[in-house]
Amino acid sequence: MALFLAVTLVHVVLVFLYVAPSNTISQAYNQQINAWVRPWFSQNWRLFAPDPQSVNRQISARVAHTAPNGTTQVSDWIDVSSMDASAVKHNAFPSHTAQNLLRQAWNSYLKTHGSDDRPRSERALLIQRYLSNIAADRVTAQRGGTFDSIQLRVTTRPIAAPHQANGSRPAAAAPASATPRYLPWWKVDAHEAD
């Protein structure tokens, strides 16, 4: 019981020093405080000041299946990001997963791969596989069939700035091109839908 109380007291003190304004004690023990708080109890203010999206991304996928005779059949493009919109629309309590799973996977992919789509770490390979698995599961749910490779196309469109109180629109930078970005073909575990 004494150990539990001691750990609780240390935890409360360390979290307090982490969120409190900078002071002599928190500066002196900064490494120890961060070592305790950051891995599991990290604090941020996103609940109160979220970072809103400034672009809309449409993520589409097409799949390919290589038959035993060596011929390859490629599907049409399937909008896999539309599943997020349909899961959220007219839902009073949409799940966080329905809103963010594909978007967060894409954001992680951008951070780990850059513009040349080459993974530079084991984490990058893991995120690439995660993104391809999400897309493969969604394609399977929408169209069925058998496939062993998948390719993604991501089209990014800027979100227009809101109107100001006086009804005018703020001066905007030149609109960015909505040129799609094509990712390489990735092998996936054989997917087959009923």
N, C-alpha and C. Protein backbone atom coordinates (compact mmCIF):
# COMPACT_ATOMS: atom_id res chain seq x y z
N MET A 1 0.82 -1.19 0.00
CA MET A 1 0.00 0.00 0.00
C MET A 1 0.87 1.27 0.00
N ALA A 2 1.94 1.23 0.77
CA ALA A 2 2.84 2.38 0.84
C ALA A 2 3.51 2.61 -0.51
N LEU A 3 3.85 1.53 -1.20
CA LEU A 3 4.47 1.65 -2.51
C LEU A 3 3.50 2.29 -3.50
N PHE A 4 2.24 1.87 -3.46
CA PHE A 4 1.23 2.44 -4.34
C PHE A 4 1.06 3.94 -4.08
N LEU A 5 0.99 4.34 -2.83
CA LEU A 5 0.86 5.75 -2.49
C LEU A 5 2.09 6.55 -2.92
N ALA A 6 3.27 5.96 -2.76
CA ALA A 6 4.50 6.66 -3.15
C ALA A 6 4.55 6.87 -4.66
N VAL A 7 4.20 5.82 -5.44
CA VAL A 7 4.20 5.94 -6.90
C VAL A 7 3.16 6.96 -7.34
N THR A 8 1.99 6.95 -6.72
CA THR A 8 0.94 7.91 -7.06
C THR A 8 1.40 9.34 -6.77
N LEU A 9 2.00 9.55 -5.64
CA LEU A 9 2.49 10.88 -5.27
C LEU A 9 3.57 11.35 -6.25
N VAL A 10 4.52 10.48 -6.59
CA VAL A 10 5.57 10.83 -7.54
C VAL A 10 4.95 11.16 -8.90
N HIS A 11 3.99 10.37 -9.32
CA HIS A 11 3.32 10.61 -10.61
C HIS A 11 2.64 11.98 -10.62
N VAL A 12 1.89 12.29 -9.60
CA VAL A 12 1.18 13.57 -9.53
C VAL A 12 2.17 14.73 -9.55
N VAL A 13 3.24 14.61 -8.81
CA VAL A 13 4.24 15.69 -8.76
C VAL A 13 4.91 15.86 -10.13
N LEU A 14 5.27 14.75 -10.77
CA LEU A 14 5.94 14.85 -12.07
C LEU A 14 5.01 15.42 -13.15
N VAL A 15 3.75 15.01 -13.16
CA VAL A 15 2.80 15.56 -14.13
C VAL A 15 2.56 17.04 -13.85
N PHE A 16 2.47 17.40 -12.57
CA PHE A 16 2.29 18.81 -12.22
C PHE A 16 3.48 19.64 -12.73
N LEU A 17 4.70 19.15 -12.51
CA LEU A 17 5.88 19.88 -12.97
C LEU A 17 5.94 19.95 -14.49
N TYR A 18 5.39 18.94 -15.16
CA TYR A 18 5.39 18.93 -16.63
C TYR A 18 4.45 19.99 -17.19
N VAL A 19 3.25 20.14 -16.59
CA VAL A 19 2.27 21.07 -17.14
C VAL A 19 2.36 22.47 -16.53
N ALA A 20 3.07 22.60 -15.43
CA ALA A 20 3.21 23.90 -14.78
C ALA A 20 4.15 24.79 -15.60
N PRO A 21 4.03 26.11 -15.43
CA PRO A 21 4.98 27.00 -16.10
C PRO A 21 6.40 26.65 -15.69
N SER A 22 7.33 26.95 -16.57
CA SER A 22 8.74 26.63 -16.31
C SER A 22 9.20 27.27 -15.01
N ASN A 23 9.88 26.47 -14.20
CA ASN A 23 10.40 26.97 -12.93
C ASN A 23 11.74 26.30 -12.65
N THR A 24 12.36 26.65 -11.55
CA THR A 24 13.69 26.14 -11.22
C THR A 24 13.69 24.63 -11.09
N ILE A 25 12.68 24.07 -10.44
CA ILE A 25 12.65 22.61 -10.22
C ILE A 25 12.43 21.88 -11.55
N SER A 26 11.47 22.35 -12.34
CA SER A 26 11.20 21.66 -13.61
C SER A 26 12.37 21.78 -14.58
N GLN A 27 13.11 22.87 -14.51
CA GLN A 27 14.30 23.00 -15.36
C GLN A 27 15.42 22.08 -14.89
N ALA A 28 15.58 21.94 -13.59
CA ALA A 28 16.64 21.10 -13.05
C ALA A 28 16.40 19.62 -13.32
N TYR A 29 15.13 19.20 -13.29
CA TYR A 29 14.79 17.79 -13.48
C TYR A 29 14.04 17.55 -14.79
N ASN A 30 14.33 18.35 -15.79
CA ASN A 30 13.63 18.27 -17.07
C ASN A 30 13.72 16.88 -17.71
N GLN A 31 14.90 16.28 -17.72
CA GLN A 31 15.07 14.96 -18.34
C GLN A 31 14.26 13.90 -17.63
N GLN A 32 14.28 13.88 -16.31
CA GLN A 32 13.53 12.89 -15.55
C GLN A 32 12.02 13.08 -15.72
N ILE A 33 11.58 14.33 -15.73
CA ILE A 33 10.15 14.61 -15.90
C ILE A 33 9.69 14.15 -17.27
N ASN A 34 10.43 14.50 -18.32
CA ASN A 34 10.06 14.08 -19.68
C ASN A 34 10.12 12.57 -19.84
N ALA A 35 11.09 11.92 -19.21
CA ALA A 35 11.20 10.46 -19.31
C ALA A 35 9.98 9.78 -18.72
N TRP A 36 9.39 10.37 -17.69
CA TRP A 36 8.21 9.78 -17.07
C TRP A 36 6.92 10.14 -17.82
N VAL A 37 6.78 11.39 -18.20
CA VAL A 37 5.51 11.86 -18.75
C VAL A 37 5.34 11.55 -20.23
N ARG A 38 6.34 11.81 -21.03
CA ARG A 38 6.15 11.77 -22.49
C ARG A 38 5.75 10.42 -23.07
N PRO A 39 6.32 9.31 -22.63
CA PRO A 39 5.91 8.07 -23.32
C PRO A 39 4.43 7.73 -23.15
N TRP A 40 3.84 7.99 -21.98
CA TRP A 40 2.47 7.54 -21.74
C TRP A 40 1.50 8.65 -21.38
N PHE A 41 1.95 9.73 -20.86
CA PHE A 41 1.05 10.76 -20.35
C PHE A 41 1.24 12.10 -21.04
N SER A 42 1.63 12.09 -22.28
CA SER A 42 1.92 13.33 -22.99
C SER A 42 0.71 14.25 -22.99
N GLN A 43 0.98 15.52 -22.84
CA GLN A 43 -0.08 16.53 -22.78
C GLN A 43 -0.04 17.39 -24.03
N ASN A 44 -1.19 17.67 -24.61
CA ASN A 44 -1.26 18.66 -25.67
C ASN A 44 -2.63 19.31 -25.61
N TRP A 45 -2.81 20.35 -26.38
CA TRP A 45 -4.04 21.13 -26.31
C TRP A 45 -4.92 20.93 -27.53
N ARG A 46 -4.76 19.83 -28.26
CA ARG A 46 -5.52 19.61 -29.48
C ARG A 46 -7.03 19.52 -29.23
N LEU A 47 -7.42 19.09 -28.06
CA LEU A 47 -8.85 19.03 -27.77
C LEU A 47 -9.46 20.43 -27.84
N PHE A 48 -8.71 21.43 -27.40
CA PHE A 48 -9.24 22.78 -27.35
C PHE A 48 -8.88 23.61 -28.58
N ALA A 49 -7.80 23.27 -29.25
CA ALA A 49 -7.38 24.02 -30.43
C ALA A 49 -6.87 23.04 -31.48
N PRO A 50 -7.78 22.29 -32.09
CA PRO A 50 -7.32 21.30 -33.07
C PRO A 50 -6.70 21.95 -34.29
N ASP A 51 -5.88 21.19 -34.96
CA ASP A 51 -5.25 21.65 -36.19
C ASP A 51 -6.15 21.22 -37.35
N PRO A 52 -6.97 22.11 -37.86
CA PRO A 52 -7.93 21.69 -38.89
C PRO A 52 -7.25 21.35 -40.20
N GLN A 53 -7.92 20.52 -40.97
CA GLN A 53 -7.39 20.14 -42.27
C GLN A 53 -7.45 21.33 -43.22
N SER A 54 -6.42 21.49 -44.03
CA SER A 54 -6.41 22.58 -45.01
C SER A 54 -6.57 22.04 -46.42
N VAL A 55 -6.65 20.71 -46.55
CA VAL A 55 -6.83 20.09 -47.86
C VAL A 55 -7.80 18.92 -47.74
N ASN A 56 -8.43 18.60 -48.85
CA ASN A 56 -9.23 17.38 -48.96
C ASN A 56 -8.43 16.41 -49.80
N ARG A 57 -8.37 15.17 -49.34
CA ARG A 57 -7.66 14.15 -50.09
C ARG A 57 -8.63 13.05 -50.49
N GLN A 58 -8.61 12.72 -51.75
CA GLN A 58 -9.38 11.58 -52.24
C GLN A 58 -8.37 10.48 -52.54
N ILE A 59 -8.54 9.37 -51.85
CA ILE A 59 -7.63 8.25 -52.05
C ILE A 59 -8.40 7.16 -52.80
N SER A 60 -7.88 6.82 -53.96
CA SER A 60 -8.48 5.79 -54.79
C SER A 60 -7.49 4.65 -54.93
N ALA A 61 -8.02 3.48 -55.23
CA ALA A 61 -7.16 2.31 -55.40
C ALA A 61 -7.63 1.52 -56.61
N ARG A 62 -6.68 0.85 -57.21
CA ARG A 62 -7.02 -0.14 -58.22
C ARG A 62 -6.19 -1.37 -57.91
N VAL A 63 -6.73 -2.50 -58.28
CA VAL A 63 -6.08 -3.76 -57.94
C VAL A 63 -5.79 -4.55 -59.21
N ALA A 64 -4.85 -5.46 -59.08
CA ALA A 64 -4.48 -6.31 -60.19
C ALA A 64 -4.41 -7.75 -59.71
N HIS A 65 -4.78 -8.64 -60.62
CA HIS A 65 -4.70 -10.07 -60.34
C HIS A 65 -3.98 -10.73 -61.50
N THR A 66 -2.95 -11.48 -61.16
CA THR A 66 -2.21 -12.22 -62.18
C THR A 66 -2.73 -13.65 -62.19
N ALA A 67 -3.26 -14.04 -63.33
CA ALA A 67 -3.81 -15.39 -63.49
C ALA A 67 -2.67 -16.40 -63.60
N PRO A 68 -2.96 -17.68 -63.40
CA PRO A 68 -1.92 -18.71 -63.52
C PRO A 68 -1.25 -18.75 -64.90
N ASN A 69 -1.98 -18.30 -65.94
CA ASN A 69 -1.39 -18.31 -67.28
C ASN A 69 -0.50 -17.08 -67.53
N GLY A 70 -0.36 -16.19 -66.53
CA GLY A 70 0.53 -15.04 -66.65
C GLY A 70 -0.14 -13.75 -67.06
N THR A 71 -1.42 -13.78 -67.41
CA THR A 71 -2.11 -12.54 -67.79
C THR A 71 -2.50 -11.77 -66.53
N THR A 72 -2.46 -10.46 -66.65
CA THR A 72 -2.78 -9.60 -65.52
C THR A 72 -4.04 -8.80 -65.84
N GLN A 73 -4.97 -8.81 -64.91
CA GLN A 73 -6.20 -8.03 -65.05
C GLN A 73 -6.15 -6.90 -64.03
N VAL A 74 -6.38 -5.67 -64.51
CA VAL A 74 -6.33 -4.48 -63.65
C VAL A 74 -7.74 -3.91 -63.56
N SER A 75 -8.17 -3.58 -62.35
CA SER A 75 -9.51 -3.04 -62.13
C SER A 75 -9.56 -1.55 -62.43
N ASP A 76 -10.76 -1.00 -62.43
CA ASP A 76 -10.93 0.44 -62.49
C ASP A 76 -10.59 1.02 -61.12
N TRP A 77 -10.47 2.35 -61.05
CA TRP A 77 -10.19 3.02 -59.79
C TRP A 77 -11.41 2.96 -58.88
N ILE A 78 -11.18 2.71 -57.60
CA ILE A 78 -12.24 2.63 -56.59
C ILE A 78 -11.92 3.67 -55.53
N ASP A 79 -12.89 4.51 -55.19
CA ASP A 79 -12.69 5.56 -54.19
C ASP A 79 -12.77 4.94 -52.80
N VAL A 80 -11.62 4.70 -52.18
CA VAL A 80 -11.61 4.07 -50.85
C VAL A 80 -11.82 5.09 -49.74
N SER A 81 -11.56 6.37 -50.01
CA SER A 81 -11.78 7.39 -48.97
C SER A 81 -13.26 7.72 -48.82
N SER A 82 -14.08 7.36 -49.78
CA SER A 82 -15.52 7.64 -49.67
C SER A 82 -16.16 6.87 -48.53
N MET A 83 -15.54 5.76 -48.14
CA MET A 83 -16.09 4.99 -47.02
C MET A 83 -16.05 5.80 -45.73
N ASP A 84 -15.01 6.64 -45.57
CA ASP A 84 -14.93 7.51 -44.39
C ASP A 84 -16.08 8.50 -44.39
N ALA A 85 -16.32 9.13 -45.53
CA ALA A 85 -17.39 10.13 -45.63
C ALA A 85 -18.75 9.49 -45.37
N SER A 86 -18.99 8.32 -45.93
CA SER A 86 -20.29 7.68 -45.74
C SER A 86 -20.49 7.19 -44.31
N ALA A 87 -19.41 6.82 -43.62
CA ALA A 87 -19.52 6.38 -42.23
C ALA A 87 -19.81 7.54 -41.28
N VAL A 88 -19.41 8.76 -41.68
CA VAL A 88 -19.57 9.93 -40.82
C VAL A 88 -20.87 10.69 -41.13
N LYS A 89 -21.23 10.73 -42.41
CA LYS A 89 -22.40 11.51 -42.82
C LYS A 89 -23.67 10.97 -42.16
N HIS A 90 -24.46 11.87 -41.61
CA HIS A 90 -25.73 11.56 -40.95
C HIS A 90 -25.54 10.64 -39.72
N ASN A 91 -24.36 10.61 -39.16
CA ASN A 91 -24.11 9.83 -37.96
C ASN A 91 -23.85 10.81 -36.83
N ALA A 92 -24.72 10.79 -35.84
CA ALA A 92 -24.59 11.75 -34.74
C ALA A 92 -23.33 11.50 -33.91
N PHE A 93 -22.89 10.26 -33.83
CA PHE A 93 -21.72 9.92 -33.03
C PHE A 93 -20.76 9.05 -33.85
N PRO A 94 -20.11 9.64 -34.87
CA PRO A 94 -19.20 8.83 -35.68
C PRO A 94 -17.96 8.44 -34.89
N SER A 95 -17.44 7.27 -35.19
CA SER A 95 -16.26 6.82 -34.45
C SER A 95 -15.02 7.55 -34.96
N HIS A 96 -14.06 7.67 -34.08
CA HIS A 96 -12.78 8.29 -34.43
C HIS A 96 -12.13 7.50 -35.57
N THR A 97 -12.27 6.19 -35.53
CA THR A 97 -11.69 5.34 -36.57
C THR A 97 -12.31 5.63 -37.92
N ALA A 98 -13.63 5.78 -37.96
CA ALA A 98 -14.30 6.05 -39.23
C ALA A 98 -13.83 7.37 -39.83
N GLN A 99 -13.52 8.32 -38.98
CA GLN A 99 -13.12 9.64 -39.47
C GLN A 99 -11.65 9.72 -39.85
N ASN A 100 -10.80 8.95 -39.20
CA ASN A 100 -9.37 9.24 -39.30
C ASN A 100 -8.46 8.10 -39.70
N LEU A 101 -8.92 6.89 -39.81
CA LEU A 101 -8.03 5.75 -40.05
C LEU A 101 -7.21 5.93 -41.33
N LEU A 102 -7.86 6.14 -42.44
CA LEU A 102 -7.15 6.27 -43.72
C LEU A 102 -6.36 7.58 -43.77
N ARG A 103 -6.93 8.66 -43.26
CA ARG A 103 -6.24 9.95 -43.28
C ARG A 103 -4.96 9.90 -42.45
N GLN A 104 -5.02 9.31 -41.28
CA GLN A 104 -3.82 9.23 -40.43
C GLN A 104 -2.78 8.29 -41.04
N ALA A 105 -3.24 7.21 -41.68
CA ALA A 105 -2.30 6.31 -42.35
C ALA A 105 -1.58 7.05 -43.47
N TRP A 106 -2.33 7.88 -44.23
CA TRP A 106 -1.70 8.64 -45.31
C TRP A 106 -0.73 9.68 -44.75
N ASN A 107 -1.12 10.38 -43.69
CA ASN A 107 -0.22 11.37 -43.09
C ASN A 107 1.07 10.72 -42.58
N SER A 108 0.96 9.54 -41.99
CA SER A 108 2.15 8.81 -41.53
C SER A 108 3.00 8.39 -42.72
N TYR A 109 2.36 7.99 -43.80
CA TYR A 109 3.09 7.61 -45.01
C TYR A 109 3.90 8.80 -45.54
N LEU A 110 3.27 9.97 -45.58
CA LEU A 110 3.97 11.16 -46.05
C LEU A 110 5.19 11.48 -45.19
N LYS A 111 5.06 11.32 -43.89
CA LYS A 111 6.16 11.63 -42.98
C LYS A 111 7.33 10.66 -43.13
N THR A 112 7.04 9.41 -43.47
CA THR A 112 8.09 8.40 -43.51
C THR A 112 8.65 8.13 -44.91
N HIS A 113 7.95 8.57 -45.95
CA HIS A 113 8.39 8.26 -47.31
C HIS A 113 8.83 9.47 -48.12
N GLY A 114 8.29 10.62 -47.85
CA GLY A 114 8.61 11.79 -48.66
C GLY A 114 7.96 11.71 -50.02
N SER A 115 8.51 12.44 -50.97
CA SER A 115 7.87 12.54 -52.29
C SER A 115 8.32 11.46 -53.26
N ASP A 116 9.34 10.68 -52.92
CA ASP A 116 9.83 9.66 -53.86
C ASP A 116 9.29 8.26 -53.57
N ASP A 117 8.44 8.12 -52.55
CA ASP A 117 7.78 6.85 -52.20
C ASP A 117 8.77 5.72 -51.89
N ARG A 118 9.93 6.08 -51.36
CA ARG A 118 10.91 5.07 -50.99
C ARG A 118 11.01 5.01 -49.47
N PRO A 119 10.73 3.84 -48.88
CA PRO A 119 10.84 3.72 -47.43
C PRO A 119 12.29 3.80 -46.99
N ARG A 120 12.51 4.51 -45.89
CA ARG A 120 13.88 4.69 -45.41
C ARG A 120 14.13 4.06 -44.04
N SER A 121 13.15 3.31 -43.56
CA SER A 121 13.32 2.67 -42.26
C SER A 121 12.34 1.51 -42.16
N GLU A 122 12.51 0.72 -41.10
CA GLU A 122 11.57 -0.37 -40.84
C GLU A 122 10.18 0.18 -40.54
N ARG A 123 10.14 1.32 -39.85
CA ARG A 123 8.85 1.95 -39.55
C ARG A 123 8.15 2.36 -40.84
N ALA A 124 8.90 2.88 -41.80
CA ALA A 124 8.32 3.28 -43.09
C ALA A 124 7.71 2.08 -43.80
N LEU A 125 8.40 0.94 -43.76
CA LEU A 125 7.86 -0.27 -44.38
C LEU A 125 6.58 -0.72 -43.67
N LEU A 126 6.57 -0.61 -42.36
CA LEU A 126 5.39 -0.98 -41.59
C LEU A 126 4.20 -0.08 -41.95
N ILE A 127 4.44 1.22 -42.06
CA ILE A 127 3.37 2.15 -42.40
C ILE A 127 2.89 1.93 -43.83
N GLN A 128 3.80 1.63 -44.73
CA GLN A 128 3.42 1.32 -46.11
C GLN A 128 2.50 0.10 -46.14
N ARG A 129 2.85 -0.92 -45.40
CA ARG A 129 2.02 -2.13 -45.34
C ARG A 129 0.67 -1.83 -44.70
N TYR A 130 0.68 -1.01 -43.66
CA TYR A 130 -0.56 -0.62 -42.99
C TYR A 130 -1.51 0.09 -43.97
N LEU A 131 -0.97 1.05 -44.72
CA LEU A 131 -1.77 1.79 -45.69
C LEU A 131 -2.29 0.86 -46.78
N SER A 132 -1.46 -0.02 -47.29
CA SER A 132 -1.92 -0.93 -48.34
C SER A 132 -2.96 -1.92 -47.81
N ASN A 133 -2.83 -2.34 -46.55
CA ASN A 133 -3.83 -3.25 -45.98
C ASN A 133 -5.18 -2.57 -45.79
N ILE A 134 -5.17 -1.31 -45.35
CA ILE A 134 -6.43 -0.57 -45.21
C ILE A 134 -7.11 -0.48 -46.57
N ALA A 135 -6.35 -0.08 -47.58
CA ALA A 135 -6.92 0.05 -48.93
C ALA A 135 -7.40 -1.30 -49.45
N ALA A 136 -6.63 -2.35 -49.26
CA ALA A 136 -7.02 -3.68 -49.74
C ALA A 136 -8.31 -4.15 -49.06
N ASP A 137 -8.43 -3.91 -47.77
CA ASP A 137 -9.66 -4.30 -47.06
C ASP A 137 -10.86 -3.54 -47.59
N ARG A 138 -10.68 -2.27 -47.88
CA ARG A 138 -11.80 -1.46 -48.38
C ARG A 138 -12.18 -1.86 -49.81
N VAL A 139 -11.19 -2.16 -50.62
CA VAL A 139 -11.49 -2.61 -51.99
C VAL A 139 -12.25 -3.94 -51.92
N THR A 140 -11.81 -4.83 -51.06
CA THR A 140 -12.48 -6.12 -50.90
C THR A 140 -13.93 -5.92 -50.48
N ALA A 141 -14.16 -4.99 -49.56
CA ALA A 141 -15.53 -4.74 -49.10
C ALA A 141 -16.40 -4.12 -50.19
N GLN A 142 -15.82 -3.31 -51.08
CA GLN A 142 -16.61 -2.62 -52.11
C GLN A 142 -16.84 -3.45 -53.36
N ARG A 143 -15.84 -4.20 -53.82
CA ARG A 143 -15.99 -4.83 -55.12
C ARG A 143 -15.85 -6.33 -55.11
N GLY A 144 -15.21 -6.89 -54.10
CA GLY A 144 -15.01 -8.33 -54.10
C GLY A 144 -13.96 -8.73 -55.12
N GLY A 145 -13.95 -9.99 -55.48
CA GLY A 145 -12.99 -10.48 -56.45
C GLY A 145 -11.68 -10.87 -55.81
N THR A 146 -10.75 -11.31 -56.65
CA THR A 146 -9.44 -11.75 -56.17
C THR A 146 -8.39 -10.82 -56.74
N PHE A 147 -7.40 -10.46 -55.91
CA PHE A 147 -6.30 -9.63 -56.39
C PHE A 147 -5.07 -9.87 -55.54
N ASP A 148 -3.91 -9.55 -56.11
CA ASP A 148 -2.66 -9.75 -55.38
C ASP A 148 -1.75 -8.53 -55.38
N SER A 149 -2.16 -7.46 -56.07
CA SER A 149 -1.40 -6.20 -56.07
C SER A 149 -2.38 -5.04 -55.98
N ILE A 150 -1.89 -3.93 -55.42
CA ILE A 150 -2.74 -2.75 -55.28
C ILE A 150 -1.90 -1.50 -55.57
N GLN A 151 -2.55 -0.51 -56.16
CA GLN A 151 -1.91 0.78 -56.41
C GLN A 151 -2.86 1.87 -55.90
N LEU A 152 -2.29 2.88 -55.27
CA LEU A 152 -3.09 4.00 -54.75
C LEU A 152 -2.85 5.25 -55.58
N ARG A 153 -3.91 6.04 -55.67
CA ARG A 153 -3.84 7.36 -56.31
C ARG A 153 -4.41 8.35 -55.30
N VAL A 154 -3.66 9.39 -54.98
CA VAL A 154 -4.09 10.37 -53.99
C VAL A 154 -4.21 11.72 -54.68
N THR A 155 -5.42 12.27 -54.66
CA THR A 155 -5.67 13.58 -55.25
C THR A 155 -5.92 14.56 -54.11
N THR A 156 -5.11 15.61 -54.06
CA THR A 156 -5.19 16.59 -52.98
C THR A 156 -5.75 17.89 -53.53
N ARG A 157 -6.81 18.39 -52.89
CA ARG A 157 -7.42 19.65 -53.28
C ARG A 157 -7.46 20.57 -52.06
N PRO A 158 -7.03 21.84 -52.22
CA PRO A 158 -7.06 22.77 -51.08
C PRO A 158 -8.50 23.10 -50.69
N ILE A 159 -8.70 23.32 -49.41
CA ILE A 159 -10.00 23.75 -48.91
C ILE A 159 -10.03 25.27 -48.97
N ALA A 160 -11.09 25.81 -49.54
CA ALA A 160 -11.21 27.27 -49.68
C ALA A 160 -11.29 27.91 -48.30
N ALA A 161 -10.71 29.09 -48.19
CA ALA A 161 -10.76 29.85 -46.94
C ALA A 161 -12.20 30.29 -46.68
N PRO A 162 -12.61 30.35 -45.42
CA PRO A 162 -13.98 30.75 -45.11
C PRO A 162 -14.22 32.23 -45.39
N HIS A 163 -15.48 32.59 -45.55
CA HIS A 163 -15.84 34.00 -45.72
C HIS A 163 -15.56 34.75 -44.43
N GLN A 164 -15.19 36.01 -44.56
CA GLN A 164 -14.98 36.84 -43.38
C GLN A 164 -16.33 37.41 -42.93
N ALA A 165 -16.35 38.04 -41.77
CA ALA A 165 -17.58 38.56 -41.20
C ALA A 165 -18.27 39.57 -42.13
N ASN A 166 -17.50 40.33 -42.89
CA ASN A 166 -18.09 41.33 -43.77
C ASN A 166 -18.54 40.73 -45.11
N GLY A 167 -18.42 39.40 -45.25
CA GLY A 167 -18.89 38.73 -46.46
C GLY A 167 -17.85 38.57 -47.54
N SER A 168 -16.70 39.22 -47.38
CA SER A 168 -15.67 39.08 -48.42
C SER A 168 -14.79 37.87 -48.12
N ARG A 169 -14.14 37.39 -49.14
CA ARG A 169 -13.21 36.27 -48.98
C ARG A 169 -11.81 36.83 -48.78
N PRO A 170 -11.03 36.22 -47.91
CA PRO A 170 -9.66 36.69 -47.74
C PRO A 170 -8.85 36.44 -49.01
N ALA A 171 -7.82 37.25 -49.18
CA ALA A 171 -6.94 37.06 -50.33
C ALA A 171 -6.28 35.69 -50.20
N ALA A 172 -6.38 34.92 -51.24
CA ALA A 172 -5.84 33.56 -51.19
C ALA A 172 -4.66 33.45 -52.13
N ALA A 173 -3.80 32.54 -51.78
CA ALA A 173 -2.67 32.24 -52.67
C ALA A 173 -3.22 31.53 -53.90
N ALA A 174 -2.40 31.44 -54.91
CA ALA A 174 -2.83 30.74 -56.12
C ALA A 174 -3.22 29.32 -55.76
N PRO A 175 -4.36 28.84 -56.27
CA PRO A 175 -4.80 27.50 -55.90
C PRO A 175 -3.80 26.45 -56.35
N ALA A 176 -3.60 25.50 -55.48
CA ALA A 176 -2.67 24.41 -55.80
C ALA A 176 -3.33 23.47 -56.80
N SER A 177 -2.52 22.86 -57.59
CA SER A 177 -2.99 21.93 -58.59
C SER A 177 -3.56 20.69 -57.91
N ALA A 178 -4.58 20.12 -58.52
CA ALA A 178 -5.18 18.89 -58.01
C ALA A 178 -4.64 17.69 -58.78
N THR A 179 -3.36 17.73 -59.11
CA THR A 179 -2.74 16.64 -59.84
C THR A 179 -2.65 15.42 -58.93
N PRO A 180 -3.11 14.28 -59.42
CA PRO A 180 -3.05 13.09 -58.57
C PRO A 180 -1.62 12.57 -58.42
N ARG A 181 -1.37 11.97 -57.29
CA ARG A 181 -0.08 11.33 -57.02
C ARG A 181 -0.30 9.82 -57.09
N TYR A 182 0.44 9.16 -57.95
CA TYR A 182 0.32 7.72 -58.12
C TYR A 182 1.42 7.03 -57.34
N LEU A 183 1.03 6.14 -56.45
CA LEU A 183 2.00 5.36 -55.70
C LEU A 183 2.36 4.11 -56.49
N PRO A 184 3.48 3.49 -56.18
CA PRO A 184 3.86 2.28 -56.92
C PRO A 184 2.90 1.12 -56.61
N TRP A 185 2.95 0.12 -57.46
CA TRP A 185 2.19 -1.10 -57.20
C TRP A 185 2.82 -1.82 -56.03
N TRP A 186 1.98 -2.29 -55.11
CA TRP A 186 2.46 -3.05 -53.96
C TRP A 186 1.83 -4.43 -53.99
N LYS A 187 2.62 -5.42 -53.67
CA LYS A 187 2.10 -6.78 -53.50
C LYS A 187 1.35 -6.82 -52.17
N VAL A 188 0.21 -7.48 -52.16
CA VAL A 188 -0.55 -7.68 -50.93
C VAL A 188 -0.85 -9.16 -50.81
N ASP A 189 -1.16 -9.58 -49.59
CA ASP A 189 -1.60 -10.95 -49.41
C ASP A 189 -2.84 -11.14 -50.27
N ALA A 190 -3.01 -12.31 -50.82
CA ALA A 190 -4.14 -12.57 -51.71
C ALA A 190 -5.44 -12.21 -51.00
N HIS A 191 -6.23 -11.36 -51.61
CA HIS A 191 -7.53 -10.97 -51.07
C HIS A 191 -8.60 -11.59 -51.94
N GLU A 192 -9.58 -12.13 -51.28
CA GLU A 192 -10.70 -12.69 -52.01
C GLU A 192 -11.95 -12.43 -51.22
N ALA A 193 -12.96 -11.91 -51.87
CA ALA A 193 -14.23 -11.61 -51.22
C ALA A 193 -15.29 -12.56 -51.72
N ASP A 194 -16.28 -12.77 -50.89
CA ASP A 194 -17.40 -13.64 -51.29
C ASP A 194 -18.35 -12.93 -52.21
